[in-house]
């Protein structure tokens, strides 16, 4: 029986991961650990108190308690954010106890700090596998597919969008991350002209053709691990960008206004998080936060990123506590040379919304996390990738990954469109 320790196991994104293991893997036993006892008990009831799951209130910063839990495990899944606080303390104990580690780290600084520990981790004899969610995760695997389909790859864009999920407030760590990348950090690191460079965060805007029902949607360049990790493993590339955004479009202006207010110390991070959770739950929220969010949305209209009608529709729905149908997706674009010709290749997820795999952020994050963690558990990484620190584009065998997604109920055709060609002239 495989023993998995899930840290932060009462969180929103990892719920799908846990359900996948409990439903499809009868050879695994889970220890689900979280600091929030109330939320942990709610998860216990949600899962029906299964015989193959143990629920433990635990503090990941309690080294003695964590050491004992990790020592009894075959694999650690760290789902507790923010990762700039939580990744290294857990990894240090995994290294000490000789237990492999997986997460869906979406913090660029934390990811690169861990990758720089590669030699140290390799010497300890364990594997540390970062960014096993949607973006990063699926996006990196899609990028790897396209890079390897070209004879000479020159650049990659990884792009994501996620949407309104109704009156279901995200956890505080998820919102804190969003506020950080949407302008809470004034600058972001990107990869241009063959080197790491700093850019204004969440400013450069571009419309991207996602699949339906989202369609063409404005997204923004921001801080994410993909530009740093993909360029690390494919140093021949000249450009790697990550762009992201929210649906409906005015949410981007709302988050930008809040994030910039946090960056300028006009709002505390806690005030901004409380406000976002309030409006997601259909409440009005604080006037102080609305003032900053309103300014962000009006600037968006002024910049041509959002129409007046979209803006007023969003405000009107918000005042009535109404929500939009979920729309989201992933889009990855690579350009370079193939058979002597300059071409662009595109890979996209299939349609989003009710009845599809891409029905919410938890599904598109938690299912890859289950599949990739199970690949680690089953030793599906080649021997050269079993000791050290790796993000998905380094170690994942793409066909094997799609087989494992099928294991958890998502065949490739329900997840991805076929790769298609696009004109090089469309690349900025």
Protein backbone atom coordinates (compact mmCIF):
# COMPACT_ATOMS: atom_id res chain seq x y z
CA UNK A 1 0.00 0.00 0.00
CA UNK A 2 1.42 3.39 -1.04
CA UNK A 3 1.32 6.01 1.70
CA UNK A 4 0.78 9.60 0.56
CA UNK A 5 0.94 12.64 2.80
CA UNK A 6 -1.15 15.55 1.49
CA UNK A 7 -0.14 18.78 3.24
CA UNK A 8 -2.76 21.52 3.00
CA UNK A 9 -5.21 18.73 2.21
CA UNK A 10 -8.31 20.75 3.12
CA UNK A 11 -7.54 23.29 0.38
CA UNK A 12 -9.74 23.91 -2.64
CA UNK A 13 -7.43 22.94 -5.52
CA UNK A 14 -6.26 19.62 -4.05
CA UNK A 15 -9.78 18.34 -3.38
CA UNK A 16 -9.96 16.94 -6.91
CA UNK A 17 -6.55 15.27 -6.45
CA UNK A 18 -7.66 13.51 -3.28
CA UNK A 19 -10.94 12.37 -4.82
CA UNK A 20 -9.04 10.97 -7.82
CA UNK A 21 -6.76 8.88 -5.58
CA UNK A 22 -9.65 7.67 -3.44
CA UNK A 23 -11.84 6.77 -6.42
CA UNK A 24 -9.33 5.23 -8.80
CA UNK A 25 -6.37 3.99 -6.72
CA UNK A 26 -7.15 1.21 -4.27
CA UNK A 27 -3.43 0.67 -3.58
CA UNK A 28 -2.89 4.02 -1.87
CA UNK A 29 -3.61 5.37 1.59
CA UNK A 30 -3.76 9.11 2.21
CA UNK A 31 -2.90 11.12 5.27
CA UNK A 32 -4.70 14.42 4.76
CA UNK A 33 -3.11 17.09 6.95
CA UNK A 34 -4.21 20.70 7.39
CA UNK A 35 -3.96 23.42 10.02
CA UNK A 36 -7.65 24.37 9.66
CA UNK A 37 -9.50 21.77 11.74
CA UNK A 38 -12.95 23.06 10.80
CA UNK A 39 -12.25 22.83 7.07
CA UNK A 40 -10.56 19.46 7.58
CA UNK A 41 -13.67 18.07 9.25
CA UNK A 42 -15.80 19.42 6.41
CA UNK A 43 -13.59 17.55 3.92
CA UNK A 44 -13.91 14.38 5.98
CA UNK A 45 -17.69 14.57 5.62
CA UNK A 46 -17.41 15.44 1.93
CA UNK A 47 -15.27 12.35 1.26
CA UNK A 48 -17.53 10.14 3.39
CA UNK A 49 -14.75 9.36 5.92
CA UNK A 50 -13.15 6.71 3.66
CA UNK A 51 -11.15 3.84 5.11
CA UNK A 52 -8.08 4.75 3.04
CA UNK A 53 -7.84 8.31 4.34
CA UNK A 54 -6.69 9.64 7.70
CA UNK A 55 -7.38 13.26 8.66
CA UNK A 56 -4.88 15.03 10.91
CA UNK A 57 -4.72 18.61 12.11
CA UNK A 58 -1.12 19.62 11.52
CA UNK A 59 1.09 22.67 11.26
CA UNK A 60 3.66 22.40 8.47
CA UNK A 61 5.96 24.72 10.42
CA UNK A 62 5.97 22.30 13.37
CA UNK A 63 9.13 20.44 12.39
CA UNK A 64 8.70 17.63 14.92
CA UNK A 65 5.14 16.85 13.81
CA UNK A 66 5.96 17.15 10.10
CA UNK A 67 9.09 15.04 10.43
CA UNK A 68 7.04 12.19 11.93
CA UNK A 69 4.33 12.41 9.24
CA UNK A 70 6.83 12.56 6.38
CA UNK A 71 8.86 9.65 7.78
CA UNK A 72 5.78 7.42 7.50
CA UNK A 73 5.09 8.38 3.85
CA UNK A 74 6.22 7.19 0.41
CA UNK A 75 5.42 10.53 -1.25
CA UNK A 76 4.62 14.05 -0.04
CA UNK A 77 2.12 16.23 -1.91
CA UNK A 78 2.40 19.84 -0.76
CA UNK A 79 -0.80 21.74 -1.56
CA UNK A 80 -0.28 24.47 1.05
CA UNK A 81 0.40 27.95 -0.23
CA UNK A 82 1.78 30.49 -0.58
CA UNK A 83 4.78 28.49 -1.72
CA UNK A 84 7.33 31.19 -1.03
CA UNK A 85 6.59 30.40 2.64
CA UNK A 86 5.73 26.71 2.54
CA UNK A 87 7.87 24.95 -0.08
CA UNK A 88 11.36 25.04 1.42
CA UNK A 89 10.43 23.99 5.00
CA UNK A 90 8.69 20.88 3.67
CA UNK A 91 11.41 20.11 1.11
CA UNK A 92 14.09 20.31 3.82
CA UNK A 93 12.27 17.65 5.85
CA UNK A 94 11.68 15.48 2.77
CA UNK A 95 15.39 15.66 2.03
CA UNK A 96 16.19 14.66 5.61
CA UNK A 97 13.72 11.75 5.57
CA UNK A 98 14.55 10.62 1.98
CA UNK A 99 10.96 11.03 0.70
CA UNK A 100 10.08 12.37 -2.75
CA UNK A 101 8.15 15.65 -2.98
CA UNK A 102 5.49 17.06 -5.37
CA UNK A 103 3.62 20.39 -5.45
CA UNK A 104 1.80 22.78 -7.76
CA UNK A 105 4.05 25.73 -6.94
CA UNK A 106 2.99 28.75 -9.00
CA UNK A 107 5.40 31.27 -7.42
CA UNK A 108 8.29 32.16 -9.77
CA UNK A 109 10.78 33.15 -7.06
CA UNK A 110 10.05 30.07 -4.95
CA UNK A 111 10.32 27.81 -8.00
CA UNK A 112 13.70 29.15 -9.06
CA UNK A 113 15.04 29.14 -5.48
CA UNK A 114 14.20 25.43 -5.37
CA UNK A 115 15.69 24.69 -8.81
CA UNK A 116 18.94 26.27 -7.61
CA UNK A 117 19.03 23.56 -4.93
CA UNK A 118 19.20 20.86 -7.63
CA UNK A 119 22.70 19.59 -6.80
CA UNK A 120 21.99 19.57 -3.06
CA UNK A 121 18.71 17.70 -3.55
CA UNK A 122 20.33 15.29 -6.00
CA UNK A 123 23.02 14.46 -3.46
CA UNK A 124 20.31 13.65 -0.90
CA UNK A 125 18.89 11.00 -3.26
CA UNK A 126 15.33 12.31 -3.61
CA UNK A 127 13.28 13.86 -6.40
CA UNK A 128 11.54 17.23 -6.00
CA UNK A 129 8.86 17.82 -8.65
CA UNK A 130 7.52 21.36 -8.95
CA UNK A 131 4.53 22.94 -10.63
CA UNK A 132 2.30 19.92 -11.27
CA UNK A 133 -1.01 21.75 -11.72
CA UNK A 134 -2.54 23.69 -14.62
CA UNK A 135 -0.27 26.71 -15.06
CA UNK A 136 2.40 25.70 -14.31
CA UNK A 137 1.89 22.04 -15.08
CA UNK A 138 -0.32 21.40 -18.11
CA UNK A 139 1.05 24.56 -19.72
CA UNK A 140 4.65 23.30 -19.41
CA UNK A 141 3.72 19.91 -20.88
CA UNK A 142 1.93 21.57 -23.80
CA UNK A 143 5.02 23.75 -24.32
CA UNK A 144 7.26 20.68 -24.33
CA UNK A 145 5.07 19.04 -26.98
CA UNK A 146 5.37 22.03 -29.29
CA UNK A 147 9.09 22.62 -28.71
CA UNK A 148 9.85 19.01 -29.55
CA UNK A 149 7.61 19.14 -32.64
CA UNK A 150 9.84 21.87 -34.11
CA UNK A 151 13.34 21.37 -35.49
CA UNK A 152 14.51 24.67 -33.99
CA UNK A 153 12.23 26.29 -31.43
CA UNK A 154 12.65 30.04 -30.93
CA UNK A 155 9.88 31.12 -28.57
CA UNK A 156 6.95 30.04 -26.40
CA UNK A 157 3.86 31.74 -25.04
CA UNK A 158 1.97 29.96 -22.25
CA UNK A 159 -1.44 31.53 -21.70
CA UNK A 160 -4.26 30.87 -19.23
CA UNK A 161 -7.64 32.25 -18.34
CA UNK A 162 -9.97 31.27 -15.52
CA UNK A 163 -13.50 32.43 -14.82
CA UNK A 164 -16.31 33.08 -12.40
CA UNK A 165 -17.20 29.96 -10.40
CA UNK A 166 -20.27 31.32 -8.68
CA UNK A 167 -20.65 32.11 -4.99
CA UNK A 168 -17.63 30.00 -3.99
CA UNK A 169 -14.88 32.21 -2.51
CA UNK A 170 -11.35 31.02 -3.25
CA UNK A 171 -9.01 30.37 -0.32
CA UNK A 172 -6.86 33.19 0.99
CA UNK A 173 -3.63 31.78 -0.44
CA UNK A 174 -5.13 31.63 -3.96
CA UNK A 175 -6.33 35.24 -3.77
CA UNK A 176 -3.03 36.43 -2.29
CA UNK A 177 -1.21 34.85 -5.24
CA UNK A 178 -3.60 36.51 -7.71
CA UNK A 179 -3.16 39.93 -6.11
CA UNK A 180 0.61 39.49 -6.27
CA UNK A 181 0.77 38.64 -9.98
CA UNK A 182 -1.93 41.14 -11.06
CA UNK A 183 0.10 44.12 -9.90
CA UNK A 184 0.86 43.57 -6.22
CA UNK A 185 4.42 43.02 -7.39
CA UNK A 186 5.16 46.08 -9.53
CA UNK A 187 7.44 44.09 -11.83
CA UNK A 188 7.67 40.55 -13.16
CA UNK A 189 10.47 38.50 -14.66
CA UNK A 190 10.13 37.45 -18.29
CA UNK A 191 12.52 35.90 -20.84
CA UNK A 192 13.24 38.04 -23.91
CA UNK A 193 16.12 38.17 -26.38
CA UNK A 194 17.65 35.11 -24.76
CA UNK A 195 17.87 36.46 -21.21
CA UNK A 196 15.84 37.09 -18.07
CA UNK A 197 14.46 40.60 -18.03
CA UNK A 198 12.08 42.58 -15.83
CA UNK A 199 8.78 43.92 -17.15
CA UNK A 200 5.89 45.93 -15.66
CA UNK A 201 3.55 43.31 -14.21
CA UNK A 202 0.07 42.84 -15.72
CA UNK A 203 0.40 45.66 -18.24
CA UNK A 204 1.15 44.23 -21.69
CA UNK A 205 -2.23 43.16 -23.09
CA UNK A 206 -3.03 40.90 -26.04
CA UNK A 207 -6.12 39.12 -27.34
CA UNK A 208 -5.69 35.36 -27.61
CA UNK A 209 -8.01 32.92 -29.46
CA UNK A 210 -9.09 30.43 -26.79
CA UNK A 211 -11.59 27.70 -27.65
CA UNK A 212 -15.30 28.32 -27.13
CA UNK A 213 -17.21 29.54 -25.32
CA UNK A 214 -14.45 31.93 -24.15
CA UNK A 215 -13.15 32.73 -27.65
CA UNK A 216 -10.92 35.77 -28.21
CA UNK A 217 -10.04 37.19 -24.81
CA UNK A 218 -7.64 39.86 -23.56
CA UNK A 219 -4.84 38.56 -21.33
CA UNK A 220 -1.84 40.22 -19.69
CA UNK A 221 1.84 39.38 -19.21
CA UNK A 222 2.55 38.67 -15.56
CA UNK A 223 4.80 36.95 -13.03
CA UNK A 224 4.68 33.15 -13.29
CA UNK A 225 7.19 30.29 -13.22
CA UNK A 226 6.94 29.21 -16.89
CA UNK A 227 9.23 31.88 -18.43
CA UNK A 228 11.92 31.03 -15.87
CA UNK A 229 11.68 27.24 -15.82
CA UNK A 230 11.11 26.67 -19.55
CA UNK A 231 14.05 28.92 -20.46
CA UNK A 232 16.13 27.07 -17.84
CA UNK A 233 15.56 23.70 -19.53
CA UNK A 234 15.50 25.08 -23.10
CA UNK A 235 18.19 27.80 -23.05
CA UNK A 236 18.25 27.96 -26.87
CA UNK A 237 14.91 29.80 -26.84
CA UNK A 238 14.87 33.52 -27.51
CA UNK A 239 11.59 34.33 -25.78
CA UNK A 240 9.27 32.75 -23.20
CA UNK A 241 6.23 34.59 -21.88
CA UNK A 242 3.34 33.80 -19.57
CA UNK A 243 0.09 35.68 -20.04
CA UNK A 244 -3.03 35.30 -17.96
CA UNK A 245 -6.35 36.81 -17.16
CA UNK A 246 -9.84 36.43 -15.78
CA UNK A 247 -13.32 36.19 -17.25
CA UNK A 248 -15.38 38.38 -17.33
CA UNK A 249 -12.93 41.00 -18.55
CA UNK A 250 -13.75 43.71 -15.93
CA UNK A 251 -12.46 41.38 -13.20
CA UNK A 252 -8.97 42.04 -14.54
CA UNK A 253 -9.40 45.77 -13.94
CA UNK A 254 -10.88 45.12 -10.50
CA UNK A 255 -7.92 42.93 -9.48
CA UNK A 256 -5.42 45.32 -11.02
CA UNK A 257 -6.86 48.24 -9.04
CA UNK A 258 -6.77 46.26 -5.79
CA UNK A 259 -3.30 44.88 -6.50
CA UNK A 260 -1.78 48.25 -7.28
CA UNK A 261 -3.34 49.68 -4.12
CA UNK A 262 -1.67 46.88 -2.13
CA UNK A 263 1.62 47.55 -3.91
CA UNK A 264 1.41 51.25 -2.96
CA UNK A 265 0.40 50.43 0.64
CA UNK A 266 -3.00 52.07 0.17
CA UNK A 267 -4.63 48.75 1.08
CA UNK A 268 -3.39 45.90 3.23
CA UNK A 269 -3.26 42.45 1.65
CA UNK A 270 -5.80 41.21 4.21
CA UNK A 271 -8.23 44.01 3.30
CA UNK A 272 -7.96 43.11 -0.38
CA UNK A 273 -8.44 39.37 0.27
CA UNK A 274 -11.45 39.99 2.53
CA UNK A 275 -13.02 42.17 -0.16
CA UNK A 276 -12.53 39.61 -2.93
CA UNK A 277 -14.00 36.85 -0.76
CA UNK A 278 -16.98 39.09 0.05
CA UNK A 279 -17.86 39.93 -3.54
CA UNK A 280 -17.34 36.33 -4.68
CA UNK A 281 -19.90 35.30 -2.05
CA UNK A 282 -22.42 37.86 -3.33
CA UNK A 283 -21.76 40.48 -0.63
CA UNK A 284 -21.08 44.15 -1.34
CA UNK A 285 -17.64 44.46 0.23
CA UNK A 286 -15.93 47.56 1.61
CA UNK A 287 -16.30 51.00 -0.02
CA UNK A 288 -12.57 51.59 0.46
CA UNK A 289 -11.72 48.57 -1.68
CA UNK A 290 -14.42 49.38 -4.23
CA UNK A 291 -12.80 52.78 -4.78
CA UNK A 292 -9.50 51.18 -5.83
CA UNK A 293 -11.19 48.42 -7.82
CA UNK A 294 -13.41 50.96 -9.59
CA UNK A 295 -10.35 52.99 -10.64
CA UNK A 296 -8.74 49.86 -12.08
CA UNK A 297 -11.85 48.99 -14.10
CA UNK A 298 -12.27 52.54 -15.44
CA UNK A 299 -8.61 52.61 -16.55
CA UNK A 300 -9.28 49.33 -18.33
CA UNK A 301 -12.14 50.94 -20.28
CA UNK A 302 -9.96 53.98 -21.06
CA UNK A 303 -7.16 51.71 -22.36
CA UNK A 304 -9.55 49.84 -24.66
CA UNK A 305 -9.16 46.56 -22.79
CA UNK A 306 -12.82 46.45 -21.84
CA UNK A 307 -15.96 48.03 -23.32
CA UNK A 308 -18.39 50.30 -21.48
CA UNK A 309 -21.13 47.69 -21.87
CA UNK A 310 -18.93 44.94 -20.37
CA UNK A 311 -18.06 47.25 -17.49
CA UNK A 312 -21.65 48.19 -16.64
CA UNK A 313 -22.89 44.61 -17.07
CA UNK A 314 -20.28 43.46 -14.56
CA UNK A 315 -21.22 46.20 -12.08
CA UNK A 316 -24.96 45.52 -12.46
CA UNK A 317 -24.53 41.78 -11.95
CA UNK A 318 -22.28 42.39 -8.95
CA UNK A 319 -24.80 44.69 -7.28
CA UNK A 320 -27.43 41.97 -7.60
CA UNK A 321 -25.09 39.18 -6.47
CA UNK A 322 -25.28 37.49 -9.89
CA UNK A 323 -22.52 35.40 -11.45
CA UNK A 324 -21.31 34.54 -14.94
CA UNK A 325 -21.09 31.07 -16.47
CA UNK A 326 -17.57 29.71 -16.03
CA UNK A 327 -15.29 30.27 -19.03
CA UNK A 328 -11.58 29.49 -19.12
CA UNK A 329 -8.84 27.64 -20.93
CA UNK A 330 -5.16 27.12 -21.69
CA UNK A 331 -3.44 28.19 -24.90
CA UNK A 332 0.23 27.53 -25.76
CA UNK A 333 1.98 28.84 -28.85
CA UNK A 334 5.50 27.99 -30.11
CA UNK A 335 7.36 29.30 -33.10
CA UNK A 336 10.53 28.31 -34.90
CA UNK A 337 11.70 26.26 -37.88
CA UNK A 338 10.41 22.95 -39.21
CA UNK A 339 11.71 21.29 -42.40
CA UNK A 340 13.42 24.54 -43.36
CA UNK A 341 10.29 26.68 -42.93
CA UNK A 342 9.33 29.21 -40.27
CA UNK A 343 6.09 28.05 -38.62
CA UNK A 344 3.98 28.55 -35.51
CA UNK A 345 2.28 25.71 -33.64
CA UNK A 346 -0.64 26.02 -31.22
CA UNK A 347 -2.07 23.63 -28.61
CA UNK A 348 -5.31 24.49 -26.75
CA UNK A 349 -7.54 22.89 -24.17
CA UNK A 350 -11.03 22.00 -25.35
CA UNK A 351 -14.16 23.98 -24.49
CA UNK A 352 -14.76 25.01 -20.90
CA UNK A 353 -17.90 25.10 -18.79
CA UNK A 354 -20.46 22.69 -17.35
CA UNK A 355 -20.10 19.13 -18.59
CA UNK A 356 -16.46 19.55 -19.68
CA UNK A 357 -13.16 18.75 -17.95
CA UNK A 358 -12.38 22.47 -17.71
CA UNK A 359 -15.40 23.14 -15.46
CA UNK A 360 -13.44 25.01 -12.76
CA UNK A 361 -9.94 25.81 -11.60
CA UNK A 362 -9.85 22.91 -9.13
CA UNK A 363 -10.49 20.33 -11.87
CA UNK A 364 -7.81 21.64 -14.20
CA UNK A 365 -5.30 21.95 -11.35
CA UNK A 366 -6.12 18.94 -9.22
CA UNK A 367 -6.39 16.25 -11.90
CA UNK A 368 -2.93 16.87 -13.43
CA UNK A 369 -1.57 16.99 -9.88
CA UNK A 370 -2.97 13.50 -9.30
CA UNK A 371 -1.70 12.14 -12.62
CA UNK A 372 1.80 13.59 -12.31
CA UNK A 373 2.17 12.65 -8.64
CA UNK A 374 1.10 9.11 -9.49
CA UNK A 375 3.72 9.02 -12.27
CA UNK A 376 6.34 9.94 -9.66
CA UNK A 377 5.01 7.25 -7.31
CA UNK A 378 5.17 4.66 -10.11
CA UNK A 379 8.73 5.60 -11.09
CA UNK A 380 7.74 6.93 -14.53
CA UNK A 381 10.46 9.55 -14.52
CA UNK A 382 13.56 8.37 -16.39
CA UNK A 383 16.51 7.53 -14.10
CA UNK A 384 18.23 10.87 -14.83
CA UNK A 385 15.18 12.69 -13.42
CA UNK A 386 14.72 10.70 -10.20
CA UNK A 387 17.20 12.69 -8.11
CA UNK A 388 17.20 16.48 -8.06
CA UNK A 389 14.71 19.28 -8.74
CA UNK A 390 12.56 19.30 -11.87
CA UNK A 391 9.57 21.11 -13.34
CA UNK A 392 7.31 19.18 -15.78
CA UNK A 393 8.98 20.12 -19.07
CA UNK A 394 12.19 18.47 -17.83
CA UNK A 395 10.95 15.03 -16.83
CA UNK A 396 7.44 14.28 -18.10
CA UNK A 397 7.00 11.78 -20.94
CA UNK A 398 4.04 13.36 -22.71
CA UNK A 399 2.26 10.20 -24.01
CA UNK A 400 2.58 8.61 -20.56
CA UNK A 401 1.08 11.71 -18.97
CA UNK A 402 -2.00 11.51 -21.19
CA UNK A 403 -2.36 7.83 -20.28
CA UNK A 404 -2.37 8.77 -16.60
CA UNK A 405 -4.92 11.52 -17.18
CA UNK A 406 -7.09 8.83 -18.77
CA UNK A 407 -6.57 6.73 -15.65
CA UNK A 408 -8.31 9.49 -13.70
CA UNK A 409 -11.17 9.82 -16.16
CA UNK A 410 -9.86 12.42 -18.63
CA UNK A 411 -8.88 11.02 -22.05
CA UNK A 412 -6.65 13.26 -24.17
CA UNK A 413 -9.43 14.14 -26.63
CA UNK A 414 -11.52 15.54 -23.74
CA UNK A 415 -8.59 17.68 -22.60
CA UNK A 416 -6.75 18.94 -25.71
CA UNK A 417 -7.45 19.97 -29.26
CA UNK A 418 -5.06 18.61 -31.90
CA UNK A 419 -1.97 20.75 -32.54
CA UNK A 420 -2.53 23.22 -35.38
CA UNK A 421 -0.40 25.65 -37.43
CA UNK A 422 -0.66 29.41 -37.26
CA UNK A 423 1.00 32.16 -39.35
CA UNK A 424 4.36 33.34 -38.02
CA UNK A 425 3.27 36.88 -38.88
CA UNK A 426 0.81 36.75 -35.98
CA UNK A 427 3.59 36.40 -33.39
CA UNK A 428 4.57 39.72 -31.79
